[in-house]
Amino acid sequence: MKRTLLAAVLGGFLLSGCLMYASPEGRGVVVVPPLPALVELDIEPFFFHRGYYYHYHDDHRWSYSESRGGPWRKLPPGHYPKEVRWKKKGPRH
């Protein structure tokens, strides 16, 4: 009994760090991991992490997709990194 309760509580804590949504394509539930605390971007504002592409917008918003070509969905602010750095300064910055 104690192990089952412990497993349920631990599972709740582990899943609370991920975004879950019902896929519009009918594929079931998709779990999106939050970004790491520090994200370093190259010249382009794209970041690949744990199977997802993330796009950093000029107004400091983030979107995510399973494909770099989209479709893109809004990433909840709780999944944003604490800091964003640029490796190289390009024409956008």
PDB file of N, CA and C in Angstrom:
ATOM      1  N   MET A   1       0.828  -1.194   0.000  1.00  0.00           N
ATOM      2  CA  MET A   1       0.000   0.000   0.000  1.00  0.00           C
ATOM      3  C   MET A   1       0.871   1.256   0.000  1.00  0.00           C
ATOM      4  N   LYS A   2       1.906   1.249   0.858  1.00  0.00           N
ATOM      5  CA  LYS A   2       2.768   2.425   0.937  1.00  0.00           C
ATOM      6  C   LYS A   2       3.527   2.637  -0.364  1.00  0.00           C
ATOM      7  N   ARG A   3       3.953   1.547  -1.006  1.00  0.00           N
ATOM      8  CA  ARG A   3       4.687   1.668  -2.268  1.00  0.00           C
ATOM      9  C   ARG A   3       3.793   2.234  -3.367  1.00  0.00           C
ATOM     10  N   THR A   4       2.546   1.811  -3.399  1.00  0.00           N
ATOM     11  CA  THR A   4       1.612   2.308  -4.407  1.00  0.00           C
ATOM     12  C   THR A   4       1.370   3.798  -4.213  1.00  0.00           C
ATOM     13  N   LEU A   5       1.175   4.209  -2.985  1.00  0.00           N
ATOM     14  CA  LEU A   5       0.961   5.620  -2.691  1.00  0.00           C
ATOM     15  C   LEU A   5       2.204   6.435  -3.029  1.00  0.00           C
ATOM     16  N   LEU A   6       3.361   5.926  -2.669  1.00  0.00           N
ATOM     17  CA  LEU A   6       4.613   6.607  -2.979  1.00  0.00           C
ATOM     18  C   LEU A   6       4.807   6.725  -4.491  1.00  0.00           C
ATOM     19  N   ALA A   7       4.506   5.670  -5.226  1.00  0.00           N
ATOM     20  CA  ALA A   7       4.636   5.693  -6.688  1.00  0.00           C
ATOM     21  C   ALA A   7       3.681   6.715  -7.296  1.00  0.00           C
ATOM     22  N   ALA A   8       2.472   6.808  -6.784  1.00  0.00           N
ATOM     23  CA  ALA A   8       1.501   7.769  -7.300  1.00  0.00           C
ATOM     24  C   ALA A   8       1.950   9.204  -7.033  1.00  0.00           C
ATOM     25  N   VAL A   9       2.437   9.465  -5.842  1.00  0.00           N
ATOM     26  CA  VAL A   9       2.908  10.812  -5.496  1.00  0.00           C
ATOM     27  C   VAL A   9       4.135  11.173  -6.322  1.00  0.00           C
ATOM     28  N   LEU A  10       5.079  10.262  -6.431  1.00  0.00           N
ATOM     29  CA  LEU A  10       6.286  10.505  -7.218  1.00  0.00           C
ATOM     30  C   LEU A  10       5.941  10.725  -8.690  1.00  0.00           C
ATOM     31  N   GLY A  11       5.046   9.931  -9.218  1.00  0.00           N
ATOM     32  CA  GLY A  11       4.609  10.101 -10.605  1.00  0.00           C
ATOM     33  C   GLY A  11       3.969  11.459 -10.832  1.00  0.00           C
ATOM     34  N   GLY A  12       3.191  11.920  -9.876  1.00  0.00           N
ATOM     35  CA  GLY A  12       2.579  13.247  -9.981  1.00  0.00           C
ATOM     36  C   GLY A  12       3.613  14.351 -10.032  1.00  0.00           C
ATOM     37  N   PHE A  13       4.639  14.254  -9.209  1.00  0.00           N
ATOM     38  CA  PHE A  13       5.703  15.260  -9.226  1.00  0.00           C
ATOM     39  C   PHE A  13       6.486  15.226 -10.530  1.00  0.00           C
ATOM     40  N   LEU A  14       6.782  14.046 -11.028  1.00  0.00           N
ATOM     41  CA  LEU A  14       7.550  13.931 -12.267  1.00  0.00           C
ATOM     42  C   LEU A  14       6.766  14.453 -13.464  1.00  0.00           C
ATOM     43  N   LEU A  15       5.493  14.162 -13.530  1.00  0.00           N
ATOM     44  CA  LEU A  15       4.686  14.614 -14.662  1.00  0.00           C
ATOM     45  C   LEU A  15       4.318  16.086 -14.580  1.00  0.00           C
ATOM     46  N   SER A  16       4.403  16.678 -13.401  1.00  0.00           N
ATOM     47  CA  SER A  16       4.047  18.096 -13.281  1.00  0.00           C
ATOM     48  C   SER A  16       5.040  18.984 -14.013  1.00  0.00           C
ATOM     49  N   GLY A  17       6.214  18.479 -14.350  1.00  0.00           N
ATOM     50  CA  GLY A  17       7.204  19.252 -15.092  1.00  0.00           C
ATOM     51  C   GLY A  17       7.011  19.191 -16.589  1.00  0.00           C
ATOM     52  N   CYS A  18       6.011  18.493 -17.063  1.00  0.00           N
ATOM     53  CA  CYS A  18       5.777  18.347 -18.497  1.00  0.00           C
ATOM     54  C   CYS A  18       4.404  18.895 -18.858  1.00  0.00           C
ATOM     55  N   LEU A  19       4.304  19.386 -20.069  1.00  0.00           N
ATOM     56  CA  LEU A  19       3.023  19.849 -20.594  1.00  0.00           C
ATOM     57  C   LEU A  19       2.366  18.687 -21.307  1.00  0.00           C
ATOM     58  N   MET A  20       1.098  18.435 -21.031  1.00  0.00           N
ATOM     59  CA  MET A  20       0.370  17.383 -21.719  1.00  0.00           C
ATOM     60  C   MET A  20      -0.822  18.015 -22.415  1.00  0.00           C
ATOM     61  N   TYR A  21      -1.055  17.623 -23.664  1.00  0.00           N
ATOM     62  CA  TYR A  21      -2.218  18.117 -24.377  1.00  0.00           C
ATOM     63  C   TYR A  21      -2.757  17.010 -25.266  1.00  0.00           C
ATOM     64  N   ALA A  22      -4.032  17.117 -25.624  1.00  0.00           N
ATOM     65  CA  ALA A  22      -4.630  16.161 -26.546  1.00  0.00           C
ATOM     66  C   ALA A  22      -4.277  16.581 -27.960  1.00  0.00           C
ATOM     67  N   SER A  23      -3.691  15.694 -28.697  1.00  0.00           N
ATOM     68  CA  SER A  23      -3.249  15.994 -30.050  1.00  0.00           C
ATOM     69  C   SER A  23      -4.441  16.181 -30.977  1.00  0.00           C
ATOM     70  N   PRO A  24      -4.458  17.257 -31.786  1.00  0.00           N
ATOM     71  CA  PRO A  24      -5.567  17.466 -32.712  1.00  0.00           C
ATOM     72  C   PRO A  24      -5.619  16.398 -33.805  1.00  0.00           C
ATOM     73  N   GLU A  25      -4.519  15.716 -34.055  1.00  0.00           N
ATOM     74  CA  GLU A  25      -4.493  14.672 -35.071  1.00  0.00           C
ATOM     75  C   GLU A  25      -5.065  13.361 -34.540  1.00  0.00           C
ATOM     76  N   GLY A  26      -5.479  13.348 -33.285  1.00  0.00           N
ATOM     77  CA  GLY A  26      -6.062  12.157 -32.705  1.00  0.00           C
ATOM     78  C   GLY A  26      -5.044  11.111 -32.288  1.00  0.00           C
ATOM     79  N   ARG A  27      -3.817  11.520 -32.045  1.00  0.00           N
ATOM     80  CA  ARG A  27      -2.775  10.579 -31.666  1.00  0.00           C
ATOM     81  C   ARG A  27      -2.716  10.369 -30.164  1.00  0.00           C
ATOM     82  N   GLY A  28      -3.629  10.892 -29.424  1.00  0.00           N
ATOM     83  CA  GLY A  28      -3.607  10.719 -27.981  1.00  0.00           C
ATOM     84  C   GLY A  28      -2.972  11.902 -27.280  1.00  0.00           C
ATOM     85  N   VAL A  29      -2.346  11.643 -26.156  1.00  0.00           N
ATOM     86  CA  VAL A  29      -1.748  12.691 -25.335  1.00  0.00           C
ATOM     87  C   VAL A  29      -0.279  12.854 -25.703  1.00  0.00           C
ATOM     88  N   VAL A  30       0.164  14.108 -25.816  1.00  0.00           N
ATOM     89  CA  VAL A  30       1.557  14.420 -26.116  1.00  0.00           C
ATOM     90  C   VAL A  30       2.162  15.079 -24.889  1.00  0.00           C
ATOM     91  N   VAL A  31       3.342  14.636 -24.478  1.00  0.00           N
ATOM     92  CA  VAL A  31       4.026  15.210 -23.321  1.00  0.00           C
ATOM     93  C   VAL A  31       5.196  16.044 -23.823  1.00  0.00           C
ATOM     94  N   VAL A  32       5.196  17.338 -23.484  1.00  0.00           N
ATOM     95  CA  VAL A  32       6.244  18.253 -23.927  1.00  0.00           C
ATOM     96  C   VAL A  32       7.117  18.620 -22.733  1.00  0.00           C
ATOM     97  N   PRO A  33       8.417  18.308 -22.792  1.00  0.00           N
ATOM     98  CA  PRO A  33       9.291  18.642 -21.668  1.00  0.00           C
ATOM     99  C   PRO A  33       9.578  20.137 -21.607  1.00  0.00           C
ATOM    100  N   PRO A  34       9.767  20.679 -20.409  1.00  0.00           N
ATOM    101  CA  PRO A  34      10.153  22.088 -20.299  1.00  0.00           C
ATOM    102  C   PRO A  34      11.574  22.283 -20.807  1.00  0.00           C
ATOM    103  N   LEU A  35      11.875  23.509 -21.188  1.00  0.00           N
ATOM    104  CA  LEU A  35      13.228  23.833 -21.641  1.00  0.00           C
ATOM    105  C   LEU A  35      14.189  23.853 -20.459  1.00  0.00           C
ATOM    106  N   PRO A  36      15.483  23.620 -20.706  1.00  0.00           N
ATOM    107  CA  PRO A  36      16.461  23.730 -19.616  1.00  0.00           C
ATOM    108  C   PRO A  36      16.547  25.167 -19.110  1.00  0.00           C
ATOM    109  N   ALA A  37      17.124  25.368 -17.954  1.00  0.00           N
ATOM    110  CA  ALA A  37      17.205  26.707 -17.354  1.00  0.00           C
ATOM    111  C   ALA A  37      17.979  27.685 -18.230  1.00  0.00           C
ATOM    112  N   LEU A  38      18.999  27.215 -18.933  1.00  0.00           N
ATOM    113  CA  LEU A  38      19.793  28.066 -19.821  1.00  0.00           C
ATOM    114  C   LEU A  38      19.706  27.517 -21.236  1.00  0.00           C
ATOM    115  N   VAL A  39      19.282  28.375 -22.173  1.00  0.00           N
ATOM    116  CA  VAL A  39      19.219  28.002 -23.585  1.00  0.00           C
ATOM    117  C   VAL A  39      20.164  28.910 -24.349  1.00  0.00           C
ATOM    118  N   GLU A  40      21.087  28.307 -25.106  1.00  0.00           N
ATOM    119  CA  GLU A  40      21.995  29.067 -25.959  1.00  0.00           C
ATOM    120  C   GLU A  40      21.559  28.882 -27.401  1.00  0.00           C
ATOM    121  N   LEU A  41      21.225  29.986 -28.053  1.00  0.00           N
ATOM    122  CA  LEU A  41      20.788  29.959 -29.441  1.00  0.00           C
ATOM    123  C   LEU A  41      21.918  30.401 -30.348  1.00  0.00           C
ATOM    124  N   ASP A  42      21.950  29.851 -31.558  1.00  0.00           N
ATOM    125  CA  ASP A  42      22.924  30.273 -32.554  1.00  0.00           C
ATOM    126  C   ASP A  42      22.344  31.498 -33.261  1.00  0.00           C
ATOM    127  N   ILE A  43      22.643  31.695 -34.515  1.00  0.00           N
ATOM    128  CA  ILE A  43      22.112  32.854 -35.239  1.00  0.00           C
ATOM    129  C   ILE A  43      20.604  32.740 -35.400  1.00  0.00           C
ATOM    130  N   GLU A  44      20.105  31.527 -35.657  1.00  0.00           N
ATOM    131  CA  GLU A  44      18.667  31.327 -35.810  1.00  0.00           C
ATOM    132  C   GLU A  44      18.032  31.049 -34.447  1.00  0.00           C
ATOM    133  N   PRO A  45      16.786  31.486 -34.270  1.00  0.00           N
ATOM    134  CA  PRO A  45      16.133  31.344 -32.960  1.00  0.00           C
ATOM    135  C   PRO A  45      15.457  29.993 -32.741  1.00  0.00           C
ATOM    136  N   PHE A  46      16.092  28.904 -33.176  1.00  0.00           N
ATOM    137  CA  PHE A  46      15.527  27.572 -32.994  1.00  0.00           C
ATOM    138  C   PHE A  46      16.398  26.768 -32.039  1.00  0.00           C
ATOM    139  N   PHE A  47      15.741  25.913 -31.255  1.00  0.00           N
ATOM    140  CA  PHE A  47      16.440  25.086 -30.279  1.00  0.00           C
ATOM    141  C   PHE A  47      15.795  23.709 -30.300  1.00  0.00           C
ATOM    142  N   PHE A  48      16.588  22.659 -30.374  1.00  0.00           N
ATOM    143  CA  PHE A  48      16.070  21.293 -30.358  1.00  0.00           C
ATOM    144  C   PHE A  48      16.394  20.667 -29.007  1.00  0.00           C
ATOM    145  N   HIS A  49      15.358  20.105 -28.363  1.00  0.00           N
ATOM    146  CA  HIS A  49      15.540  19.543 -27.019  1.00  0.00           C
ATOM    147  C   HIS A  49      14.568  18.389 -26.821  1.00  0.00           C
ATOM    148  N   ARG A  50      15.111  17.221 -26.527  1.00  0.00           N
ATOM    149  CA  ARG A  50      14.329  16.036 -26.171  1.00  0.00           C
ATOM    150  C   ARG A  50      13.200  15.734 -27.161  1.00  0.00           C
ATOM    151  N   GLY A  51      13.521  15.812 -28.453  1.00  0.00           N
ATOM    152  CA  GLY A  51      12.569  15.416 -29.487  1.00  0.00           C
ATOM    153  C   GLY A  51      11.645  16.504 -29.989  1.00  0.00           C
ATOM    154  N   TYR A  52      11.799  17.734 -29.507  1.00  0.00           N
ATOM    155  CA  TYR A  52      10.942  18.839 -29.936  1.00  0.00           C
ATOM    156  C   TYR A  52      11.782  20.020 -30.402  1.00  0.00           C
ATOM    157  N   TYR A  53      11.237  20.747 -31.357  1.00  0.00           N
ATOM    158  CA  TYR A  53      11.833  22.001 -31.804  1.00  0.00           C
ATOM    159  C   TYR A  53      11.153  23.133 -31.048  1.00  0.00           C
ATOM    160  N   TYR A  54      11.949  24.084 -30.617  1.00  0.00           N
ATOM    161  CA  TYR A  54      11.432  25.259 -29.913  1.00  0.00           C
ATOM    162  C   TYR A  54      11.854  26.493 -30.699  1.00  0.00           C
ATOM    163  N   HIS A  55      10.943  27.453 -30.817  1.00  0.00           N
ATOM    164  CA  HIS A  55      11.220  28.684 -31.555  1.00  0.00           C
ATOM    165  C   HIS A  55      11.083  29.869 -30.606  1.00  0.00           C
ATOM    166  N   TYR A  56      12.132  30.676 -30.558  1.00  0.00           N
ATOM    167  CA  TYR A  56      12.157  31.865 -29.695  1.00  0.00           C
ATOM    168  C   TYR A  56      11.768  33.069 -30.545  1.00  0.00           C
ATOM    169  N   HIS A  57      10.716  33.751 -30.157  1.00  0.00           N
ATOM    170  CA  HIS A  57      10.201  34.898 -30.911  1.00  0.00           C
ATOM    171  C   HIS A  57      10.824  36.201 -30.410  1.00  0.00           C
ATOM    172  N   ASP A  58      10.797  37.217 -31.255  1.00  0.00           N
ATOM    173  CA  ASP A  58      11.373  38.521 -30.905  1.00  0.00           C
ATOM    174  C   ASP A  58      10.719  39.148 -29.673  1.00  0.00           C
ATOM    175  N   ASP A  59       9.464  38.810 -29.412  1.00  0.00           N
ATOM    176  CA  ASP A  59       8.773  39.371 -28.241  1.00  0.00           C
ATOM    177  C   ASP A  59       8.918  38.462 -27.009  1.00  0.00           C
ATOM    178  N   HIS A  60       9.950  37.609 -27.012  1.00  0.00           N
ATOM    179  CA  HIS A  60      10.324  36.753 -25.876  1.00  0.00           C
ATOM    180  C   HIS A  60       9.325  35.635 -25.585  1.00  0.00           C
ATOM    181  N   ARG A  61       8.521  35.268 -26.575  1.00  0.00           N
ATOM    182  CA  ARG A  61       7.629  34.110 -26.439  1.00  0.00           C
ATOM    183  C   ARG A  61       8.330  32.879 -27.000  1.00  0.00           C
ATOM    184  N   TRP A  62       7.847  31.708 -26.611  1.00  0.00           N
ATOM    185  CA  TRP A  62       8.354  30.442 -27.135  1.00  0.00           C
ATOM    186  C   TRP A  62       7.212  29.646 -27.740  1.00  0.00           C
ATOM    187  N   SER A  63       7.511  28.942 -28.832  1.00  0.00           N
ATOM    188  CA  SER A  63       6.592  27.989 -29.444  1.00  0.00           C
ATOM    189  C   SER A  63       7.331  26.664 -29.572  1.00  0.00           C
ATOM    190  N   TYR A  64       6.597  25.575 -29.714  1.00  0.00           N
ATOM    191  CA  TYR A  64       7.225  24.267 -29.874  1.00  0.00           C
ATOM    192  C   TYR A  64       6.502  23.470 -30.953  1.00  0.00           C
ATOM    193  N   SER A  65       7.217  22.510 -31.533  1.00  0.00           N
ATOM    194  CA  SER A  65       6.665  21.658 -32.573  1.00  0.00           C
ATOM    195  C   SER A  65       7.481  20.372 -32.643  1.00  0.00           C
ATOM    196  N   GLU A  66       6.869  19.334 -33.159  1.00  0.00           N
ATOM    197  CA  GLU A  66       7.596  18.085 -33.386  1.00  0.00           C
ATOM    198  C   GLU A  66       8.413  18.153 -34.669  1.00  0.00           C
ATOM    199  N   SER A  67       8.146  19.156 -35.498  1.00  0.00           N
ATOM    200  CA  SER A  67       8.856  19.337 -36.762  1.00  0.00           C
ATOM    201  C   SER A  67       9.271  20.796 -36.884  1.00  0.00           C
ATOM    202  N   ARG A  68      10.435  21.050 -37.443  1.00  0.00           N
ATOM    203  CA  ARG A  68      10.879  22.438 -37.581  1.00  0.00           C
ATOM    204  C   ARG A  68       9.948  23.232 -38.494  1.00  0.00           C
ATOM    205  N   GLY A  69       9.240  22.552 -39.359  1.00  0.00           N
ATOM    206  CA  GLY A  69       8.303  23.209 -40.267  1.00  0.00           C
ATOM    207  C   GLY A  69       6.928  23.443 -39.666  1.00  0.00           C
ATOM    208  N   GLY A  70       6.704  23.052 -38.415  1.00  0.00           N
ATOM    209  CA  GLY A  70       5.423  23.272 -37.754  1.00  0.00           C
ATOM    210  C   GLY A  70       4.538  22.042 -37.868  1.00  0.00           C
ATOM    211  N   PRO A  71       3.317  22.131 -37.419  1.00  0.00           N
ATOM    212  CA  PRO A  71       2.650  23.304 -36.853  1.00  0.00           C
ATOM    213  C   PRO A  71       3.200  23.643 -35.465  1.00  0.00           C
ATOM    214  N   TRP A  72       3.201  24.938 -35.160  1.00  0.00           N
ATOM    215  CA  TRP A  72       3.748  25.449 -33.904  1.00  0.00           C
ATOM    216  C   TRP A  72       2.631  25.703 -32.913  1.00  0.00           C
ATOM    217  N   ARG A  73       2.905  25.397 -31.652  1.00  0.00           N
ATOM    218  CA  ARG A  73       1.958  25.655 -30.559  1.00  0.00           C
ATOM    219  C   ARG A  73       2.645  26.528 -29.517  1.00  0.00           C
ATOM    220  N   LYS A  74       1.853  27.288 -28.791  1.00  0.00           N
ATOM    221  CA  LYS A  74       2.407  28.150 -27.737  1.00  0.00           C
ATOM    222  C   LYS A  74       2.933  27.288 -26.595  1.00  0.00           C
ATOM    223  N   LEU A  75       4.105  27.626 -26.119  1.00  0.00           N
ATOM    224  CA  LEU A  75       4.669  26.958 -24.950  1.00  0.00           C
ATOM    225  C   LEU A  75       4.224  27.732 -23.708  1.00  0.00           C
ATOM    226  N   PRO A  76       3.707  27.064 -22.684  1.00  0.00           N
ATOM    227  CA  PRO A  76       3.301  27.777 -21.470  1.00  0.00           C
ATOM    228  C   PRO A  76       4.506  28.460 -20.818  1.00  0.00           C
ATOM    229  N   PRO A  77       4.319  29.658 -20.268  1.00  0.00           N
ATOM    230  CA  PRO A  77       5.430  30.385 -19.649  1.00  0.00           C
ATOM    231  C   PRO A  77       6.165  29.600 -18.567  1.00  0.00           C
ATOM    232  N   GLY A  78       5.520  28.693 -17.897  1.00  0.00           N
ATOM    233  CA  GLY A  78       6.177  27.879 -16.885  1.00  0.00           C
ATOM    234  C   GLY A  78       7.230  26.937 -17.460  1.00  0.00           C
ATOM    235  N   HIS A  79       7.219  26.753 -18.770  1.00  0.00           N
ATOM    236  CA  HIS A  79       8.188  25.886 -19.449  1.00  0.00           C
ATOM    237  C   HIS A  79       9.319  26.682 -20.094  1.00  0.00           C
ATOM    238  N   TYR A  80       9.294  28.011 -19.955  1.00  0.00           N
ATOM    239  CA  TYR A  80      10.335  28.861 -20.540  1.00  0.00           C
ATOM    240  C   TYR A  80      11.644  28.675 -19.771  1.00  0.00           C
ATOM    241  N   PRO A  81      12.775  28.902 -20.432  1.00  0.00           N
ATOM    242  CA  PRO A  81      14.052  28.868 -19.710  1.00  0.00           C
ATOM    243  C   PRO A  81      14.205  30.119 -18.848  1.00  0.00           C
ATOM    244  N   LYS A  82      15.059  30.056 -17.861  1.00  0.00           N
ATOM    245  CA  LYS A  82      15.308  31.235 -17.022  1.00  0.00           C
ATOM    246  C   LYS A  82      16.173  32.245 -17.753  1.00  0.00           C
ATOM    247  N   GLU A  83      17.039  31.744 -18.651  1.00  0.00           N
ATOM    248  CA  GLU A  83      17.959  32.637 -19.356  1.00  0.00           C
ATOM    249  C   GLU A  83      18.134  32.168 -20.796  1.00  0.00           C
ATOM    250  N   VAL A  84      18.202  33.143 -21.717  1.00  0.00           N
ATOM    251  CA  VAL A  84      18.458  32.871 -23.131  1.00  0.00           C
ATOM    252  C   VAL A  84      19.719  33.623 -23.523  1.00  0.00           C
ATOM    253  N   ARG A  85      20.672  32.899 -24.103  1.00  0.00           N
ATOM    254  CA  ARG A  85      21.912  33.520 -24.582  1.00  0.00           C
ATOM    255  C   ARG A  85      22.058  33.235 -26.069  1.00  0.00           C
ATOM    256  N   TRP A  86      22.797  34.114 -26.733  1.00  0.00           N
ATOM    257  CA  TRP A  86      23.093  33.941 -28.150  1.00  0.00           C
ATOM    258  C   TRP A  86      24.565  33.616 -28.307  1.00  0.00           C
ATOM    259  N   LYS A  87      24.885  32.553 -29.063  1.00  0.00           N
ATOM    260  CA  LYS A  87      26.280  32.176 -29.311  1.00  0.00           C
ATOM    261  C   LYS A  87      26.957  33.185 -30.222  1.00  0.00           C
ATOM    262  N   LYS A  88      26.244  33.598 -31.259  1.00  0.00           N
ATOM    263  CA  LYS A  88      26.786  34.548 -32.232  1.00  0.00           C
ATOM    264  C   LYS A  88      25.762  35.644 -32.455  1.00  0.00           C
ATOM    265  N   LYS A  89      26.241  36.830 -32.636  1.00  0.00           N
ATOM    266  CA  LYS A  89      25.345  37.933 -32.945  1.00  0.00           C
ATOM    267  C   LYS A  89      25.189  38.011 -34.454  1.00  0.00           C
ATOM    268  N   GLY A  90      23.975  37.892 -34.924  1.00  0.00           N
ATOM    269  CA  GLY A  90      23.695  37.968 -36.351  1.00  0.00           C
ATOM    270  C   GLY A  90      22.908  39.223 -36.667  1.00  0.00           C
ATOM    271  N   PRO A  91      22.343  39.314 -37.864  1.00  0.00           N
ATOM    272  CA  PRO A  91      21.598  40.502 -38.266  1.00  0.00           C
ATOM    273  C   PRO A  91      20.338  40.734 -37.447  1.00  0.00           C
ATOM    274  N   ARG A  92      19.846  39.698 -36.765  1.00  0.00           N
ATOM    275  CA  ARG A  92      18.610  39.843 -35.983  1.00  0.00           C
ATOM    276  C   ARG A  92      18.854  40.514 -34.640  1.00  0.00           C
ATOM    277  N   HIS A  93      20.111  40.579 -34.158  1.00  0.00           N
ATOM    278  CA  HIS A  93      20.365  40.999 -32.772  1.00  0.00           C
ATOM    279  C   HIS A  93      21.306  42.164 -32.710  1.00  0.00           C
TER     280      HIS A  93
END
